[in-house]
Protein backbone atom coordinates (compact mmCIF):
# COMPACT_ATOMS: atom_id res chain seq x y z
CA MET A 1 -27.48 28.56 35.87
CA SER A 2 -23.99 28.65 37.37
CA ILE A 3 -21.29 26.12 36.56
CA PHE A 4 -21.38 24.87 40.14
CA VAL A 5 -25.15 24.27 40.06
CA ASN A 6 -24.82 22.46 36.70
CA PHE A 7 -22.07 20.35 38.25
CA LEU A 8 -24.31 19.40 41.18
CA VAL A 9 -27.35 18.73 38.99
CA ALA A 10 -25.34 16.52 36.60
CA GLY A 11 -23.76 14.73 39.56
CA CYS A 12 -27.14 13.95 41.10
CA GLY A 13 -28.37 12.56 37.79
CA ALA A 14 -25.20 10.49 37.40
CA PHE A 15 -25.71 9.07 40.90
CA PHE A 16 -29.07 7.63 39.88
CA GLY A 17 -27.97 6.58 36.39
CA GLY A 18 -24.89 4.82 37.75
CA GLY A 19 -27.02 3.08 40.35
CA VAL A 20 -29.40 1.79 37.69
CA ARG A 21 -26.45 0.60 35.59
CA LYS A 22 -25.01 -1.30 38.56
CA LEU A 23 -28.37 -2.95 39.21
CA LEU A 24 -28.68 -3.96 35.54
CA SER A 25 -25.15 -5.37 35.52
CA ASP A 26 -25.71 -7.35 38.71
CA TRP A 27 -29.02 -8.67 37.42
CA LEU A 28 -28.16 -9.42 33.78
CA ASN A 29 -24.42 -10.13 33.58
CA GLY A 30 -23.00 -13.54 34.23
CA ASP A 31 -20.58 -16.13 32.93
CA ASP A 32 -23.49 -18.04 31.41
CA LYS A 33 -24.38 -15.09 29.15
CA PRO A 34 -23.04 -14.80 25.58
CA PHE A 35 -21.76 -11.27 26.30
CA PRO A 36 -22.15 -8.59 29.03
CA VAL A 37 -25.91 -8.21 28.66
CA GLY A 38 -26.25 -5.71 31.53
CA THR A 39 -23.83 -3.24 29.96
CA PHE A 40 -25.44 -3.70 26.56
CA VAL A 41 -28.95 -3.09 27.95
CA ALA A 42 -27.79 -0.04 29.94
CA ASN A 43 -26.16 1.47 26.85
CA ALA A 44 -29.17 0.68 24.62
CA VAL A 45 -31.71 2.11 27.09
CA GLY A 46 -29.54 5.17 27.68
CA SER A 47 -29.23 5.70 23.92
CA LEU A 48 -32.99 5.43 23.46
CA LEU A 49 -33.62 7.83 26.34
CA ILE A 50 -31.10 10.40 25.14
CA GLY A 51 -32.76 10.42 21.71
CA VAL A 52 -36.11 11.21 23.32
CA LEU A 53 -34.53 13.80 25.62
CA LEU A 54 -32.79 15.51 22.70
CA MET A 55 -36.09 16.09 20.96
CA MET A 56 -37.83 17.16 24.17
CA PHE A 57 -35.10 19.73 24.83
CA GLN A 58 -35.17 21.04 21.26
CA THR A 59 -38.95 21.49 21.34
CA GLY A 60 -38.89 23.21 24.73
CA GLU A 61 -40.61 20.37 26.61
CA LEU A 62 -37.52 19.95 28.77
CA THR A 63 -35.81 22.77 30.67
CA GLY A 64 -32.07 23.28 30.68
CA THR A 65 -31.80 22.07 34.28
CA MET A 66 -33.78 18.89 33.57
CA ASN A 67 -31.69 18.29 30.45
CA VAL A 68 -28.50 18.52 32.51
CA PHE A 69 -29.96 16.17 35.14
CA LEU A 70 -31.41 13.60 32.71
CA ALA A 71 -29.22 13.71 29.58
CA THR A 72 -25.82 14.65 30.99
CA GLY A 73 -26.24 13.15 34.45
CA PHE A 74 -28.61 10.19 34.35
CA CYS A 75 -27.81 8.99 30.82
CA GLY A 76 -24.12 9.70 31.35
CA GLY A 77 -24.14 7.59 34.52
CA LEU A 78 -26.31 4.88 32.99
CA THR A 79 -24.34 4.42 29.79
CA THR A 80 -20.74 3.43 30.03
CA PHE A 81 -18.21 3.56 27.24
CA SER A 82 -15.34 2.75 29.58
CA THR A 83 -16.93 -0.49 30.86
CA PHE A 84 -17.92 -1.48 27.32
CA THR A 85 -14.34 -0.89 26.14
CA LEU A 86 -12.91 -2.89 29.04
CA GLU A 87 -15.24 -5.80 28.28
CA VAL A 88 -14.16 -5.82 24.62
CA PHE A 89 -10.51 -5.61 25.72
CA LYS A 90 -10.98 -8.58 28.07
CA TYR A 91 -12.38 -10.70 25.24
CA PHE A 92 -9.30 -9.91 23.14
CA GLY A 93 -7.10 -10.80 26.13
CA LYS A 94 -8.82 -14.19 26.39
CA SER A 95 -8.26 -14.82 22.66
CA LYS A 96 -11.98 -14.45 21.97
CA GLN A 97 -11.56 -12.12 19.00
CA ASN A 98 -14.84 -13.09 17.32
CA LYS A 99 -16.77 -12.40 20.51
CA ALA A 100 -14.94 -9.08 21.00
CA VAL A 101 -15.63 -7.87 17.47
CA GLY A 102 -19.23 -9.14 17.50
CA TYR A 103 -20.01 -7.43 20.80
CA TRP A 104 -18.32 -4.23 19.63
CA ILE A 105 -20.25 -4.09 16.35
CA LEU A 106 -23.57 -5.10 17.94
CA SER A 107 -23.23 -2.46 20.67
CA VAL A 108 -22.29 0.41 18.38
CA VAL A 109 -24.95 -0.37 15.77
CA ALA A 110 -27.64 -0.98 18.40
CA CYS A 111 -26.90 2.24 20.29
CA ILE A 112 -27.01 4.32 17.11
CA PHE A 113 -30.31 2.61 16.23
CA PHE A 114 -31.74 3.30 19.70
CA VAL A 115 -30.85 7.01 19.56
CA TYR A 116 -32.65 7.19 16.22
CA LEU A 117 -35.58 5.21 17.63
CA GLY A 118 -35.83 7.61 20.56
CA ILE A 119 -35.94 10.59 18.20
CA TRP A 120 -38.56 8.83 16.06
CA LEU A 121 -40.67 7.89 19.08
CA ASP A 122 -40.68 11.49 20.25
CA PHE A 123 -42.03 12.55 16.85
CA MET A 124 -44.73 9.87 17.04
CA ILE A 125 -45.91 10.81 20.53
């Protein structure tokens, strides 16, 4: 597949993934929440999904084009390291160091766990 086609396929996937992330953020984030729940959920779900997709691609259940659309595009648009980093930075700026560090650790550990869980689930299915 050409670079241009890969670019378009990844972009289409990112369009949908980014849209889902925006919906999750609008639905789950709020000042009454202990941390940005929408971003956390988007990153956790994306991590779980990419673990499953990794195994599906390695076993041949997923074509290269679908992998580009789903893993690179959709999961790339759904998950968001830049927004996560900005949210942590804002907590530090508001002198909420404990909240910043807690959210940072929780997010990183949870996302690693969810990638592993996705890989494990693919083995179990």
